[in-house]
Amino acid sequence: MKTQRPIVSVPSDEEHRVLQFRPRAAMPTGQRRNPNEAVRKLEVANDLSRYEREREEPDDFRHRMLANIAAFAFTMALLAVGIWLAMSISHLRRTQDCVLMGRHDCVQIFPPHP
């Protein structure tokens, strides 16, 4: 069975060590990198033409616009339903708080129209 070490409030010197980092050795002059090499690698990385492909059909901008309008209308409908739901919950909460306080005039009664 293992023995447990007691919990000490002050850490001992055995638990802490200072690590010494050595500086990197300089590269020999023959192995130094050309600064233009990094620029060429960056240009190759930014070239996205290798991911392009020919499309079978041209883009249908009218269809895309209609899809965007439909998505916008759907988003607005969700927003309207969310606002209505929040207002309904707020109204029900106020009415419930009024009833729980013991008041009898909590619900607003509208007079009938002649």
N, C-alpha and C. Protein backbone atom coordinates (compact mmCIF):
# COMPACT_ATOMS: atom_id res chain seq x y z
N MET A 1 0.83 -1.17 0.00
CA MET A 1 0.00 0.00 0.00
C MET A 1 0.89 1.24 0.00
N LYS A 2 0.51 2.24 -0.82
CA LYS A 2 1.30 3.46 -0.91
C LYS A 2 1.02 4.36 0.28
N THR A 3 2.07 5.03 0.69
CA THR A 3 1.87 6.01 1.75
C THR A 3 1.60 7.36 1.09
N GLN A 4 0.70 8.11 1.67
CA GLN A 4 0.35 9.41 1.12
C GLN A 4 1.22 10.48 1.75
N ARG A 5 1.62 11.43 0.93
CA ARG A 5 2.40 12.55 1.44
C ARG A 5 1.46 13.54 2.09
N PRO A 6 1.86 14.09 3.21
CA PRO A 6 1.00 15.08 3.85
C PRO A 6 0.93 16.36 3.01
N ILE A 7 -0.18 17.03 3.10
CA ILE A 7 -0.36 18.29 2.39
C ILE A 7 0.34 19.38 3.18
N VAL A 8 1.27 20.02 2.53
CA VAL A 8 2.05 21.06 3.19
C VAL A 8 1.61 22.40 2.60
N SER A 9 1.37 23.36 3.46
CA SER A 9 0.91 24.65 2.96
C SER A 9 2.02 25.41 2.25
N VAL A 10 3.26 25.22 2.65
CA VAL A 10 4.39 25.89 2.02
C VAL A 10 5.10 24.85 1.15
N PRO A 11 5.24 25.09 -0.15
CA PRO A 11 5.91 24.10 -0.99
C PRO A 11 7.39 24.00 -0.66
N SER A 12 7.90 22.80 -0.76
CA SER A 12 9.32 22.60 -0.46
C SER A 12 10.15 22.90 -1.70
N ASP A 13 11.46 23.02 -1.49
CA ASP A 13 12.36 23.33 -2.60
C ASP A 13 12.49 22.16 -3.56
N GLU A 14 12.14 20.96 -3.13
CA GLU A 14 12.24 19.80 -4.00
C GLU A 14 11.22 19.85 -5.14
N GLU A 15 10.13 20.52 -4.92
CA GLU A 15 9.06 20.56 -5.92
C GLU A 15 9.28 21.61 -6.98
N HIS A 16 10.20 22.53 -6.78
CA HIS A 16 10.39 23.62 -7.73
C HIS A 16 11.79 23.55 -8.32
N ARG A 17 11.85 23.67 -9.63
CA ARG A 17 13.13 23.70 -10.31
C ARG A 17 13.11 24.82 -11.33
N VAL A 18 14.21 25.45 -11.54
CA VAL A 18 14.35 26.48 -12.55
C VAL A 18 15.00 25.84 -13.77
N LEU A 19 14.33 25.96 -14.89
CA LEU A 19 14.86 25.40 -16.12
C LEU A 19 15.68 26.45 -16.83
N GLN A 20 16.85 26.07 -17.27
CA GLN A 20 17.70 27.00 -18.00
C GLN A 20 17.57 26.68 -19.49
N PHE A 21 17.25 27.70 -20.24
CA PHE A 21 17.12 27.54 -21.68
C PHE A 21 18.41 27.99 -22.35
N ARG A 22 18.88 27.17 -23.26
CA ARG A 22 20.07 27.52 -24.01
C ARG A 22 19.67 28.24 -25.28
N PRO A 23 20.40 29.26 -25.67
CA PRO A 23 20.07 29.94 -26.93
C PRO A 23 20.34 29.00 -28.10
N ARG A 24 19.59 29.21 -29.16
CA ARG A 24 19.77 28.39 -30.35
C ARG A 24 21.12 28.68 -30.97
N ALA A 25 21.69 27.65 -31.49
CA ALA A 25 22.98 27.82 -32.16
C ALA A 25 22.74 28.48 -33.52
N ALA A 26 23.63 29.34 -33.91
CA ALA A 26 23.50 30.01 -35.19
C ALA A 26 23.71 29.00 -36.31
N MET A 27 22.94 29.18 -37.40
CA MET A 27 23.05 28.27 -38.53
C MET A 27 24.34 28.58 -39.29
N PRO A 28 24.99 27.58 -39.80
CA PRO A 28 26.17 27.85 -40.61
C PRO A 28 25.80 28.70 -41.83
N THR A 29 26.76 29.43 -42.33
CA THR A 29 26.47 30.39 -43.41
C THR A 29 25.97 29.70 -44.66
N GLY A 30 26.35 28.51 -44.90
CA GLY A 30 25.89 27.80 -46.11
C GLY A 30 24.45 27.35 -46.01
N GLN A 31 23.91 27.24 -44.81
CA GLN A 31 22.55 26.74 -44.63
C GLN A 31 21.53 27.85 -44.37
N ARG A 32 21.94 29.10 -44.39
CA ARG A 32 20.98 30.18 -44.14
C ARG A 32 19.95 30.24 -45.24
N ARG A 33 18.76 30.60 -44.85
CA ARG A 33 17.65 30.63 -45.81
C ARG A 33 17.66 31.91 -46.61
N ASN A 34 17.20 31.79 -47.80
CA ASN A 34 17.06 32.93 -48.69
C ASN A 34 15.76 33.65 -48.32
N PRO A 35 15.74 34.97 -48.07
CA PRO A 35 14.50 35.65 -47.72
C PRO A 35 13.46 35.59 -48.83
N ASN A 36 13.89 35.48 -50.07
CA ASN A 36 12.94 35.41 -51.19
C ASN A 36 12.23 34.06 -51.22
N GLU A 37 12.83 33.04 -50.62
CA GLU A 37 12.23 31.71 -50.59
C GLU A 37 10.92 31.73 -49.79
N ALA A 38 10.89 32.46 -48.69
CA ALA A 38 9.68 32.55 -47.88
C ALA A 38 8.58 33.26 -48.65
N VAL A 39 8.94 34.29 -49.42
CA VAL A 39 7.95 35.02 -50.22
C VAL A 39 7.38 34.11 -51.29
N ARG A 40 8.24 33.29 -51.94
CA ARG A 40 7.75 32.38 -52.97
C ARG A 40 6.82 31.34 -52.37
N LYS A 41 7.13 30.83 -51.17
CA LYS A 41 6.26 29.85 -50.52
C LYS A 41 4.92 30.47 -50.17
N LEU A 42 4.92 31.73 -49.76
CA LEU A 42 3.67 32.41 -49.43
C LEU A 42 2.83 32.62 -50.67
N GLU A 43 3.47 32.96 -51.79
CA GLU A 43 2.73 33.15 -53.04
C GLU A 43 2.10 31.84 -53.49
N VAL A 44 2.81 30.73 -53.34
CA VAL A 44 2.27 29.43 -53.72
C VAL A 44 1.11 29.07 -52.80
N ALA A 45 1.21 29.39 -51.52
CA ALA A 45 0.15 29.07 -50.57
C ALA A 45 -1.10 29.90 -50.85
N ASN A 46 -0.94 31.15 -51.32
CA ASN A 46 -2.09 32.01 -51.58
C ASN A 46 -2.70 31.77 -52.95
N ASP A 47 -2.09 30.96 -53.78
CA ASP A 47 -2.62 30.67 -55.10
C ASP A 47 -3.73 29.64 -54.98
N LEU A 48 -4.97 30.07 -55.17
CA LEU A 48 -6.12 29.18 -55.01
C LEU A 48 -6.60 28.59 -56.33
N SER A 49 -5.88 28.84 -57.40
CA SER A 49 -6.33 28.36 -58.70
C SER A 49 -6.33 26.83 -58.77
N ARG A 50 -5.54 26.18 -57.96
CA ARG A 50 -5.52 24.71 -57.99
C ARG A 50 -6.81 24.12 -57.46
N TYR A 51 -7.60 24.90 -56.71
CA TYR A 51 -8.87 24.41 -56.18
C TYR A 51 -10.05 24.74 -57.10
N GLU A 52 -9.82 25.52 -58.13
CA GLU A 52 -10.90 25.89 -59.04
C GLU A 52 -11.23 24.71 -59.94
N ARG A 53 -12.50 24.64 -60.33
CA ARG A 53 -12.91 23.61 -61.27
C ARG A 53 -13.98 24.20 -62.18
N GLU A 54 -14.07 23.63 -63.33
CA GLU A 54 -15.05 24.10 -64.30
C GLU A 54 -16.44 23.65 -63.87
N ARG A 55 -17.40 24.54 -64.02
CA ARG A 55 -18.78 24.21 -63.68
C ARG A 55 -19.49 23.64 -64.90
N GLU A 56 -20.40 22.71 -64.63
CA GLU A 56 -21.18 22.14 -65.72
C GLU A 56 -22.18 23.17 -66.24
N GLU A 57 -22.77 23.95 -65.30
CA GLU A 57 -23.76 24.96 -65.65
C GLU A 57 -23.31 26.30 -65.10
N PRO A 58 -23.67 27.39 -65.76
CA PRO A 58 -23.35 28.70 -65.19
C PRO A 58 -24.22 28.98 -63.97
N ASP A 59 -23.79 29.92 -63.13
CA ASP A 59 -24.57 30.28 -61.95
C ASP A 59 -25.92 30.85 -62.34
N ASP A 60 -26.95 30.44 -61.60
CA ASP A 60 -28.29 30.97 -61.82
C ASP A 60 -28.53 32.04 -60.75
N PHE A 61 -28.24 33.29 -61.10
CA PHE A 61 -28.34 34.37 -60.13
C PHE A 61 -29.78 34.61 -59.69
N ARG A 62 -30.74 34.40 -60.57
CA ARG A 62 -32.14 34.60 -60.20
C ARG A 62 -32.56 33.59 -59.13
N HIS A 63 -32.17 32.35 -59.30
CA HIS A 63 -32.49 31.32 -58.30
C HIS A 63 -31.80 31.63 -56.98
N ARG A 64 -30.54 32.08 -57.04
CA ARG A 64 -29.81 32.41 -55.82
C ARG A 64 -30.49 33.57 -55.10
N MET A 65 -30.94 34.58 -55.85
CA MET A 65 -31.61 35.74 -55.24
C MET A 65 -32.93 35.31 -54.59
N LEU A 66 -33.68 34.46 -55.25
CA LEU A 66 -34.94 33.98 -54.68
C LEU A 66 -34.69 33.17 -53.41
N ALA A 67 -33.63 32.37 -53.41
CA ALA A 67 -33.30 31.59 -52.22
C ALA A 67 -32.89 32.52 -51.07
N ASN A 68 -32.15 33.58 -51.38
CA ASN A 68 -31.77 34.55 -50.35
C ASN A 68 -32.99 35.27 -49.79
N ILE A 69 -33.93 35.63 -50.64
CA ILE A 69 -35.15 36.30 -50.18
C ILE A 69 -35.97 35.36 -49.30
N ALA A 70 -36.05 34.09 -49.70
CA ALA A 70 -36.80 33.11 -48.91
C ALA A 70 -36.13 32.92 -47.55
N ALA A 71 -34.82 32.86 -47.52
CA ALA A 71 -34.10 32.71 -46.25
C ALA A 71 -34.30 33.93 -45.36
N PHE A 72 -34.29 35.12 -45.95
CA PHE A 72 -34.52 36.34 -45.19
C PHE A 72 -35.93 36.37 -44.61
N ALA A 73 -36.93 35.98 -45.43
CA ALA A 73 -38.31 35.95 -44.95
C ALA A 73 -38.47 34.94 -43.82
N PHE A 74 -37.85 33.79 -43.94
CA PHE A 74 -37.92 32.77 -42.89
C PHE A 74 -37.28 33.28 -41.61
N THR A 75 -36.15 33.97 -41.74
CA THR A 75 -35.47 34.53 -40.56
C THR A 75 -36.34 35.59 -39.89
N MET A 76 -36.97 36.44 -40.68
CA MET A 76 -37.84 37.48 -40.12
C MET A 76 -39.06 36.85 -39.43
N ALA A 77 -39.60 35.77 -40.02
CA ALA A 77 -40.73 35.09 -39.40
C ALA A 77 -40.31 34.48 -38.06
N LEU A 78 -39.14 33.87 -38.00
CA LEU A 78 -38.65 33.33 -36.74
C LEU A 78 -38.44 34.43 -35.71
N LEU A 79 -37.93 35.57 -36.15
CA LEU A 79 -37.72 36.69 -35.25
C LEU A 79 -39.06 37.20 -34.70
N ALA A 80 -40.06 37.33 -35.58
CA ALA A 80 -41.38 37.81 -35.15
C ALA A 80 -42.01 36.84 -34.15
N VAL A 81 -41.92 35.55 -34.42
CA VAL A 81 -42.47 34.55 -33.51
C VAL A 81 -41.74 34.60 -32.16
N GLY A 82 -40.43 34.79 -32.19
CA GLY A 82 -39.66 34.88 -30.95
C GLY A 82 -40.05 36.09 -30.12
N ILE A 83 -40.23 37.24 -30.78
CA ILE A 83 -40.65 38.45 -30.06
C ILE A 83 -42.05 38.27 -29.49
N TRP A 84 -42.96 37.72 -30.30
CA TRP A 84 -44.33 37.50 -29.81
C TRP A 84 -44.32 36.55 -28.62
N LEU A 85 -43.52 35.50 -28.68
CA LEU A 85 -43.45 34.54 -27.59
C LEU A 85 -42.89 35.19 -26.32
N ALA A 86 -41.86 36.01 -26.46
CA ALA A 86 -41.29 36.69 -25.30
C ALA A 86 -42.31 37.65 -24.68
N MET A 87 -43.05 38.37 -25.51
CA MET A 87 -44.07 39.29 -24.99
C MET A 87 -45.19 38.52 -24.29
N SER A 88 -45.61 37.40 -24.86
CA SER A 88 -46.68 36.59 -24.24
C SER A 88 -46.23 36.03 -22.90
N ILE A 89 -45.02 35.54 -22.84
CA ILE A 89 -44.51 35.00 -21.57
C ILE A 89 -44.41 36.11 -20.53
N SER A 90 -43.97 37.29 -20.95
CA SER A 90 -43.87 38.42 -20.03
C SER A 90 -45.25 38.81 -19.49
N HIS A 91 -46.26 38.85 -20.37
CA HIS A 91 -47.61 39.21 -19.95
C HIS A 91 -48.17 38.15 -18.99
N LEU A 92 -47.98 36.88 -19.31
CA LEU A 92 -48.46 35.82 -18.43
C LEU A 92 -47.75 35.86 -17.07
N ARG A 93 -46.47 36.20 -17.07
CA ARG A 93 -45.74 36.28 -15.81
C ARG A 93 -46.27 37.42 -14.94
N ARG A 94 -46.54 38.58 -15.59
CA ARG A 94 -47.10 39.70 -14.81
C ARG A 94 -48.46 39.34 -14.23
N THR A 95 -49.29 38.67 -15.03
CA THR A 95 -50.61 38.27 -14.55
C THR A 95 -50.48 37.25 -13.41
N GLN A 96 -49.59 36.30 -13.54
CA GLN A 96 -49.40 35.30 -12.50
C GLN A 96 -48.88 35.95 -11.22
N ASP A 97 -47.95 36.88 -11.32
CA ASP A 97 -47.44 37.59 -10.14
C ASP A 97 -48.56 38.35 -9.44
N CYS A 98 -49.45 38.96 -10.23
CA CYS A 98 -50.57 39.72 -9.67
C CYS A 98 -51.51 38.79 -8.90
N VAL A 99 -51.83 37.64 -9.50
CA VAL A 99 -52.73 36.69 -8.86
C VAL A 99 -52.11 36.12 -7.60
N LEU A 100 -50.80 35.83 -7.64
CA LEU A 100 -50.13 35.27 -6.47
C LEU A 100 -50.03 36.27 -5.33
N MET A 101 -50.13 37.55 -5.64
CA MET A 101 -50.14 38.57 -4.57
C MET A 101 -51.52 38.67 -3.92
N GLY A 102 -52.53 38.02 -4.48
CA GLY A 102 -53.86 38.03 -3.90
C GLY A 102 -54.76 39.12 -4.44
N ARG A 103 -54.34 39.77 -5.50
CA ARG A 103 -55.19 40.83 -6.07
C ARG A 103 -56.26 40.20 -6.95
N HIS A 104 -57.40 40.93 -7.09
CA HIS A 104 -58.52 40.41 -7.88
C HIS A 104 -58.69 41.14 -9.20
N ASP A 105 -57.97 42.25 -9.42
CA ASP A 105 -58.13 43.02 -10.65
C ASP A 105 -56.91 42.85 -11.56
N CYS A 106 -56.50 41.63 -11.76
CA CYS A 106 -55.27 41.36 -12.51
C CYS A 106 -55.49 41.34 -14.02
N VAL A 107 -56.63 40.86 -14.46
CA VAL A 107 -56.88 40.71 -15.89
C VAL A 107 -57.60 41.95 -16.38
N GLN A 108 -57.10 42.49 -17.49
CA GLN A 108 -57.75 43.69 -18.05
C GLN A 108 -58.96 43.23 -18.86
N ILE A 109 -60.13 43.78 -18.51
CA ILE A 109 -61.37 43.42 -19.18
C ILE A 109 -61.76 44.57 -20.11
N PHE A 110 -61.94 44.25 -21.38
CA PHE A 110 -62.32 45.26 -22.36
C PHE A 110 -63.83 45.33 -22.46
N PRO A 111 -64.39 46.55 -22.53
CA PRO A 111 -65.86 46.66 -22.67
C PRO A 111 -66.28 46.21 -24.08
N PRO A 112 -67.48 45.64 -24.19
CA PRO A 112 -67.95 45.19 -25.53
C PRO A 112 -68.24 46.40 -26.42
N HIS A 113 -68.03 46.22 -27.71
CA HIS A 113 -68.30 47.29 -28.66
C HIS A 113 -69.78 47.28 -29.01
N PRO A 114 -70.38 48.48 -29.11
CA PRO A 114 -71.83 48.51 -29.43
C PRO A 114 -72.13 48.20 -30.86
